[in-house]
Amino acid sequence: MISEEEGEFLVKLARNTIETYITLKEIIKVPDDLDPILNEEMGAFVTLTRNGDLRGCIGYPEPVKPLAQAVVEVAISAATGDPRFPPVTAAELKEIQVEVSVLTKPELIEVQKPSEYLEKVKVGRDGLIVEMGMYRGLLLPQVPVEWNWDVEDFLANTCMKAGLPSDCWLEEGVKMYSFQSQIFSE
């Protein structure tokens, strides 16, 4: 678990990273004197909104980098590399809100038959990753809450995020993973 103070630090780190990269084209260095938990490998996402609308969201679902370094990297990607949006401009920086999600390691949801996903997935607690062949899609735990989805809507939209049919979660061979996250925002 990340403390509130550590979460605030990560949000400030993401903000500082984005502002420095956009205005100076420099990547900030992660401080050496971090709390040890911020150097542990964890999944992380940075979500940017502007006037309540999504403006960028990129992350590492798997724990592949030390947390603070992961936040620096995905903050830059969310601001400049989300293919759904043009890069954030310096003029927009004051209007952008920064959110950092720290993820638990994704776990395969074990089911005997796909209909069991309806009982095993909990809206508001779980984030989802769907995998089928080369297709993979992820939705953070806050997304179904924001859109007022039930479990079936959540499963369907995760499939569509992967570029798959909305009912692919009912097919054999589809893998569903769940994870939880702590969310910190400005």
C-alpha atoms as a PDB file:
ATOM      1  CA  MET A   1       0.000   0.000   0.000  1.00  0.00           C
ATOM      2  CA  ILE A   2       1.148   3.482  -0.904  1.00  0.00           C
ATOM      3  CA  SER A   3       0.569   6.156   1.749  1.00  0.00           C
ATOM      4  CA  GLU A   4      -1.351   9.350   0.979  1.00  0.00           C
ATOM      5  CA  GLU A   5       1.920  11.304   1.253  1.00  0.00           C
ATOM      6  CA  GLU A   6       3.685   8.971  -1.209  1.00  0.00           C
ATOM      7  CA  GLY A   7       0.700   9.240  -3.571  1.00  0.00           C
ATOM      8  CA  GLU A   8       0.867  13.045  -3.430  1.00  0.00           C
ATOM      9  CA  PHE A   9       4.576  12.819  -4.242  1.00  0.00           C
ATOM     10  CA  LEU A  10       3.832  10.639  -7.291  1.00  0.00           C
ATOM     11  CA  VAL A  11       1.204  13.084  -8.590  1.00  0.00           C
ATOM     12  CA  LYS A  12       3.644  16.002  -8.170  1.00  0.00           C
ATOM     13  CA  LEU A  13       6.355  13.930  -9.849  1.00  0.00           C
ATOM     14  CA  ALA A  14       4.043  13.242 -12.806  1.00  0.00           C
ATOM     15  CA  ARG A  15       3.052  16.930 -13.057  1.00  0.00           C
ATOM     16  CA  ASN A  16       6.689  18.102 -12.853  1.00  0.00           C
ATOM     17  CA  THR A  17       7.717  15.486 -15.432  1.00  0.00           C
ATOM     18  CA  ILE A  18       5.053  16.607 -17.916  1.00  0.00           C
ATOM     19  CA  GLU A  19       5.748  20.325 -17.477  1.00  0.00           C
ATOM     20  CA  THR A  20       9.524  19.849 -17.779  1.00  0.00           C
ATOM     21  CA  TYR A  21       9.230  17.611 -20.834  1.00  0.00           C
ATOM     22  CA  ILE A  22       6.743  19.826 -22.683  1.00  0.00           C
ATOM     23  CA  THR A  23       8.430  23.160 -21.932  1.00  0.00           C
ATOM     24  CA  LEU A  24      12.126  22.163 -21.915  1.00  0.00           C
ATOM     25  CA  LYS A  25      12.140  18.806 -23.794  1.00  0.00           C
ATOM     26  CA  GLU A  26      14.036  17.326 -20.839  1.00  0.00           C
ATOM     27  CA  ILE A  27      13.319  14.157 -18.864  1.00  0.00           C
ATOM     28  CA  ILE A  28      13.645  14.727 -15.138  1.00  0.00           C
ATOM     29  CA  LYS A  29      15.753  12.394 -13.045  1.00  0.00           C
ATOM     30  CA  VAL A  30      14.025  10.469 -10.266  1.00  0.00           C
ATOM     31  CA  PRO A  31      15.403  11.648  -6.892  1.00  0.00           C
ATOM     32  CA  ASP A  32      17.848   9.262  -5.191  1.00  0.00           C
ATOM     33  CA  ASP A  33      16.481   9.729  -1.674  1.00  0.00           C
ATOM     34  CA  LEU A  34      13.069   8.151  -2.229  1.00  0.00           C
ATOM     35  CA  ASP A  35      11.052   6.175   0.254  1.00  0.00           C
ATOM     36  CA  PRO A  36      12.022   2.530  -0.496  1.00  0.00           C
ATOM     37  CA  ILE A  37       8.457   1.589  -1.553  1.00  0.00           C
ATOM     38  CA  LEU A  38       8.696   4.086  -4.438  1.00  0.00           C
ATOM     39  CA  ASN A  39      11.653   2.078  -5.763  1.00  0.00           C
ATOM     40  CA  GLU A  40       9.718  -1.200  -5.753  1.00  0.00           C
ATOM     41  CA  GLU A  41       8.550  -2.506  -9.120  1.00  0.00           C
ATOM     42  CA  MET A  42       4.823  -1.800  -9.537  1.00  0.00           C
ATOM     43  CA  GLY A  43       2.387  -1.160 -12.338  1.00  0.00           C
ATOM     44  CA  ALA A  44       1.391   2.481 -12.828  1.00  0.00           C
ATOM     45  CA  PHE A  45      -0.862   4.575 -15.050  1.00  0.00           C
ATOM     46  CA  VAL A  46      -1.024   8.328 -15.520  1.00  0.00           C
ATOM     47  CA  THR A  47      -4.387   9.711 -16.609  1.00  0.00           C
ATOM     48  CA  LEU A  48      -4.738  13.283 -17.838  1.00  0.00           C
ATOM     49  CA  THR A  49      -8.054  15.089 -18.047  1.00  0.00           C
ATOM     50  CA  ARG A  50      -8.995  18.548 -19.263  1.00  0.00           C
ATOM     51  CA  ASN A  51     -12.332  20.041 -18.183  1.00  0.00           C
ATOM     52  CA  GLY A  52     -13.399  16.550 -17.091  1.00  0.00           C
ATOM     53  CA  ASP A  53     -12.619  14.962 -20.470  1.00  0.00           C
ATOM     54  CA  LEU A  54      -9.925  12.344 -21.007  1.00  0.00           C
ATOM     55  CA  ARG A  55      -6.791  13.907 -22.518  1.00  0.00           C
ATOM     56  CA  GLY A  56      -4.352  10.990 -22.251  1.00  0.00           C
ATOM     57  CA  CYS A  57      -3.901   7.738 -20.364  1.00  0.00           C
ATOM     58  CA  ILE A  58      -0.894   5.445 -20.624  1.00  0.00           C
ATOM     59  CA  GLY A  59       0.692   3.024 -18.203  1.00  0.00           C
ATOM     60  CA  TYR A  60       2.503  -0.157 -17.343  1.00  0.00           C
ATOM     61  CA  PRO A  61       0.002  -2.796 -16.187  1.00  0.00           C
ATOM     62  CA  GLU A  62       2.779  -5.122 -15.045  1.00  0.00           C
ATOM     63  CA  PRO A  63       5.362  -4.371 -12.340  1.00  0.00           C
ATOM     64  CA  VAL A  64       8.295  -3.950 -14.745  1.00  0.00           C
ATOM     65  CA  LYS A  65       9.959  -0.783 -13.405  1.00  0.00           C
ATOM     66  CA  PRO A  66      10.581   0.907 -10.067  1.00  0.00           C
ATOM     67  CA  LEU A  67       7.368   2.835  -9.312  1.00  0.00           C
ATOM     68  CA  ALA A  68       8.761   6.393  -9.405  1.00  0.00           C
ATOM     69  CA  GLN A  69      10.619   5.711 -12.670  1.00  0.00           C
ATOM     70  CA  ALA A  70       7.500   4.125 -14.155  1.00  0.00           C
ATOM     71  CA  VAL A  71       5.499   7.253 -13.264  1.00  0.00           C
ATOM     72  CA  VAL A  72       8.046   9.492 -15.017  1.00  0.00           C
ATOM     73  CA  GLU A  73       7.934   7.377 -18.173  1.00  0.00           C
ATOM     74  CA  VAL A  74       4.157   6.969 -18.376  1.00  0.00           C
ATOM     75  CA  ALA A  75       3.540  10.643 -17.543  1.00  0.00           C
ATOM     76  CA  ILE A  76       5.489  11.628 -20.660  1.00  0.00           C
ATOM     77  CA  SER A  77       3.688   8.978 -22.708  1.00  0.00           C
ATOM     78  CA  ALA A  78       0.248  10.058 -21.461  1.00  0.00           C
ATOM     79  CA  ALA A  79       1.014  13.678 -22.403  1.00  0.00           C
ATOM     80  CA  THR A  80       2.682  13.047 -25.750  1.00  0.00           C
ATOM     81  CA  GLY A  81       2.143   9.472 -26.911  1.00  0.00           C
ATOM     82  CA  ASP A  82      -1.501   8.487 -26.458  1.00  0.00           C
ATOM     83  CA  PRO A  83      -2.547   7.752 -30.065  1.00  0.00           C
ATOM     84  CA  ARG A  84      -6.111   8.896 -29.345  1.00  0.00           C
ATOM     85  CA  PHE A  85      -5.040  12.511 -28.759  1.00  0.00           C
ATOM     86  CA  PRO A  86      -2.576  15.100 -30.068  1.00  0.00           C
ATOM     87  CA  PRO A  87       0.322  15.871 -27.688  1.00  0.00           C
ATOM     88  CA  VAL A  88      -0.466  18.178 -24.774  1.00  0.00           C
ATOM     89  CA  THR A  89       0.729  21.730 -25.471  1.00  0.00           C
ATOM     90  CA  ALA A  90       2.377  24.189 -23.089  1.00  0.00           C
ATOM     91  CA  ALA A  91      -0.735  26.388 -23.351  1.00  0.00           C
ATOM     92  CA  GLU A  92      -2.890  23.525 -21.976  1.00  0.00           C
ATOM     93  CA  LEU A  93      -0.748  22.699 -18.941  1.00  0.00           C
ATOM     94  CA  LYS A  94      -2.726  24.857 -16.493  1.00  0.00           C
ATOM     95  CA  GLU A  95      -5.992  23.168 -17.568  1.00  0.00           C
ATOM     96  CA  ILE A  96      -4.734  19.575 -17.284  1.00  0.00           C
ATOM     97  CA  GLN A  97      -5.496  17.495 -14.178  1.00  0.00           C
ATOM     98  CA  VAL A  98      -3.091  14.675 -13.321  1.00  0.00           C
ATOM     99  CA  GLU A  99      -4.093  11.334 -11.801  1.00  0.00           C
ATOM    100  CA  VAL A 100      -1.727   8.491 -10.893  1.00  0.00           C
ATOM    101  CA  SER A 101      -2.966   4.923 -10.432  1.00  0.00           C
ATOM    102  CA  VAL A 102      -0.664   2.439  -8.674  1.00  0.00           C
ATOM    103  CA  LEU A 103      -1.576  -1.127  -9.654  1.00  0.00           C
ATOM    104  CA  THR A 104      -1.325  -4.490  -7.996  1.00  0.00           C
ATOM    105  CA  LYS A 105       0.101  -7.314 -10.098  1.00  0.00           C
ATOM    106  CA  PRO A 106      -2.578  -8.617 -12.498  1.00  0.00           C
ATOM    107  CA  GLU A 107      -3.907 -12.068 -11.549  1.00  0.00           C
ATOM    108  CA  LEU A 108      -5.584 -14.521 -13.913  1.00  0.00           C
ATOM    109  CA  ILE A 109      -9.272 -14.927 -13.026  1.00  0.00           C
ATOM    110  CA  GLU A 110      -9.823 -18.677 -12.838  1.00  0.00           C
ATOM    111  CA  VAL A 111     -13.222 -19.850 -14.123  1.00  0.00           C
ATOM    112  CA  GLN A 112     -14.727 -23.171 -15.192  1.00  0.00           C
ATOM    113  CA  LYS A 113     -17.063 -21.413 -17.611  1.00  0.00           C
ATOM    114  CA  PRO A 114     -17.078 -17.781 -18.809  1.00  0.00           C
ATOM    115  CA  SER A 115     -20.397 -16.907 -17.124  1.00  0.00           C
ATOM    116  CA  GLU A 116     -18.531 -17.131 -13.777  1.00  0.00           C
ATOM    117  CA  TYR A 117     -16.800 -13.819 -14.603  1.00  0.00           C
ATOM    118  CA  LEU A 118     -20.085 -12.118 -13.697  1.00  0.00           C
ATOM    119  CA  GLU A 119     -19.690 -13.326 -10.102  1.00  0.00           C
ATOM    120  CA  LYS A 120     -15.918 -12.937  -9.793  1.00  0.00           C
ATOM    121  CA  VAL A 121     -15.459  -9.382 -11.125  1.00  0.00           C
ATOM    122  CA  LYS A 122     -16.446  -6.525  -8.810  1.00  0.00           C
ATOM    123  CA  VAL A 123     -17.104  -3.062 -10.240  1.00  0.00           C
ATOM    124  CA  GLY A 124     -15.265  -0.414  -8.224  1.00  0.00           C
ATOM    125  CA  ARG A 125     -12.649  -2.843  -6.930  1.00  0.00           C
ATOM    126  CA  ASP A 126     -11.225  -4.538 -10.013  1.00  0.00           C
ATOM    127  CA  GLY A 127      -9.486  -3.343 -13.107  1.00  0.00           C
ATOM    128  CA  LEU A 128      -9.527  -5.769 -16.041  1.00  0.00           C
ATOM    129  CA  ILE A 129      -7.170  -6.986 -18.716  1.00  0.00           C
ATOM    130  CA  VAL A 130      -8.500  -9.182 -21.525  1.00  0.00           C
ATOM    131  CA  GLU A 131      -6.188 -11.252 -23.719  1.00  0.00           C
ATOM    132  CA  MET A 132      -7.058 -13.227 -26.831  1.00  0.00           C
ATOM    133  CA  GLY A 133      -4.265 -14.143 -29.206  1.00  0.00           C
ATOM    134  CA  MET A 134      -2.358 -10.972 -30.006  1.00  0.00           C
ATOM    135  CA  TYR A 135      -5.172  -8.722 -28.723  1.00  0.00           C
ATOM    136  CA  ARG A 136      -5.015  -7.169 -25.281  1.00  0.00           C
ATOM    137  CA  GLY A 137      -7.086  -4.449 -23.632  1.00  0.00           C
ATOM    138  CA  LEU A 138      -7.127  -2.880 -20.187  1.00  0.00           C
ATOM    139  CA  LEU A 139      -9.579  -0.743 -18.247  1.00  0.00           C
ATOM    140  CA  LEU A 140      -8.726   0.770 -14.856  1.00  0.00           C
ATOM    141  CA  PRO A 141     -11.068   0.155 -11.887  1.00  0.00           C
ATOM    142  CA  GLN A 142     -12.393   3.725 -11.938  1.00  0.00           C
ATOM    143  CA  VAL A 143     -13.669   3.499 -15.546  1.00  0.00           C
ATOM    144  CA  PRO A 144     -16.832   1.397 -14.967  1.00  0.00           C
ATOM    145  CA  VAL A 145     -17.681   3.534 -11.934  1.00  0.00           C
ATOM    146  CA  GLU A 146     -17.363   6.760 -13.973  1.00  0.00           C
ATOM    147  CA  TRP A 147     -19.577   5.299 -16.723  1.00  0.00           C
ATOM    148  CA  ASN A 148     -22.033   3.601 -14.327  1.00  0.00           C
ATOM    149  CA  TRP A 149     -21.464   0.181 -15.904  1.00  0.00           C
ATOM    150  CA  ASP A 150     -22.488  -3.147 -14.442  1.00  0.00           C
ATOM    151  CA  VAL A 151     -20.122  -6.150 -14.608  1.00  0.00           C
ATOM    152  CA  GLU A 152     -21.364  -7.249 -18.036  1.00  0.00           C
ATOM    153  CA  ASP A 153     -20.837  -3.746 -19.487  1.00  0.00           C
ATOM    154  CA  PHE A 154     -17.366  -3.677 -17.936  1.00  0.00           C
ATOM    155  CA  LEU A 155     -16.421  -7.032 -19.496  1.00  0.00           C
ATOM    156  CA  ALA A 156     -17.839  -5.975 -22.886  1.00  0.00           C
ATOM    157  CA  ASN A 157     -16.024  -2.636 -22.906  1.00  0.00           C
ATOM    158  CA  THR A 158     -12.729  -4.241 -21.904  1.00  0.00           C
ATOM    159  CA  CYS A 159     -13.110  -6.591 -24.894  1.00  0.00           C
ATOM    160  CA  MET A 160     -13.834  -3.648 -27.206  1.00  0.00           C
ATOM    161  CA  LYS A 161     -10.799  -1.774 -25.812  1.00  0.00           C
ATOM    162  CA  ALA A 162      -8.735  -4.743 -27.042  1.00  0.00           C
ATOM    163  CA  GLY A 163     -10.275  -4.439 -30.517  1.00  0.00           C
ATOM    164  CA  LEU A 164     -12.340  -7.580 -29.979  1.00  0.00           C
ATOM    165  CA  PRO A 165     -16.102  -8.217 -30.176  1.00  0.00           C
ATOM    166  CA  SER A 166     -17.930  -7.066 -27.041  1.00  0.00           C
ATOM    167  CA  ASP A 167     -18.979 -10.628 -26.188  1.00  0.00           C
ATOM    168  CA  CYS A 168     -15.525 -12.195 -26.593  1.00  0.00           C
ATOM    169  CA  TRP A 169     -15.344 -12.730 -22.825  1.00  0.00           C
ATOM    170  CA  LEU A 170     -17.854 -15.578 -23.318  1.00  0.00           C
ATOM    171  CA  GLU A 171     -15.486 -17.475 -25.642  1.00  0.00           C
ATOM    172  CA  GLU A 172     -13.141 -20.278 -24.632  1.00  0.00           C
ATOM    173  CA  GLY A 173      -9.478 -19.331 -24.789  1.00  0.00           C
ATOM    174  CA  VAL A 174      -9.995 -15.742 -23.668  1.00  0.00           C
ATOM    175  CA  LYS A 175      -7.964 -14.829 -20.583  1.00  0.00           C
ATOM    176  CA  MET A 176      -9.217 -12.276 -18.079  1.00  0.00           C
ATOM    177  CA  TYR A 177      -6.951 -10.773 -15.448  1.00  0.00           C
ATOM    178  CA  SER A 178      -7.958  -8.553 -12.560  1.00  0.00           C
ATOM    179  CA  PHE A 179      -5.958  -6.041 -10.585  1.00  0.00           C
ATOM    180  CA  GLN A 180      -6.664  -3.344  -8.036  1.00  0.00           C
ATOM    181  CA  SER A 181      -5.317   0.176  -7.865  1.00  0.00           C
ATOM    182  CA  GLN A 182      -4.788   3.072  -5.539  1.00  0.00           C
ATOM    183  CA  ILE A 183      -5.726   6.335  -7.186  1.00  0.00           C
ATOM    184  CA  PHE A 184      -4.127   9.681  -6.389  1.00  0.00           C
ATOM    185  CA  SER A 185      -5.061  12.933  -8.113  1.00  0.00           C
ATOM    186  CA  GLU A 186      -4.584  16.677  -7.986  1.00  0.00           C
END
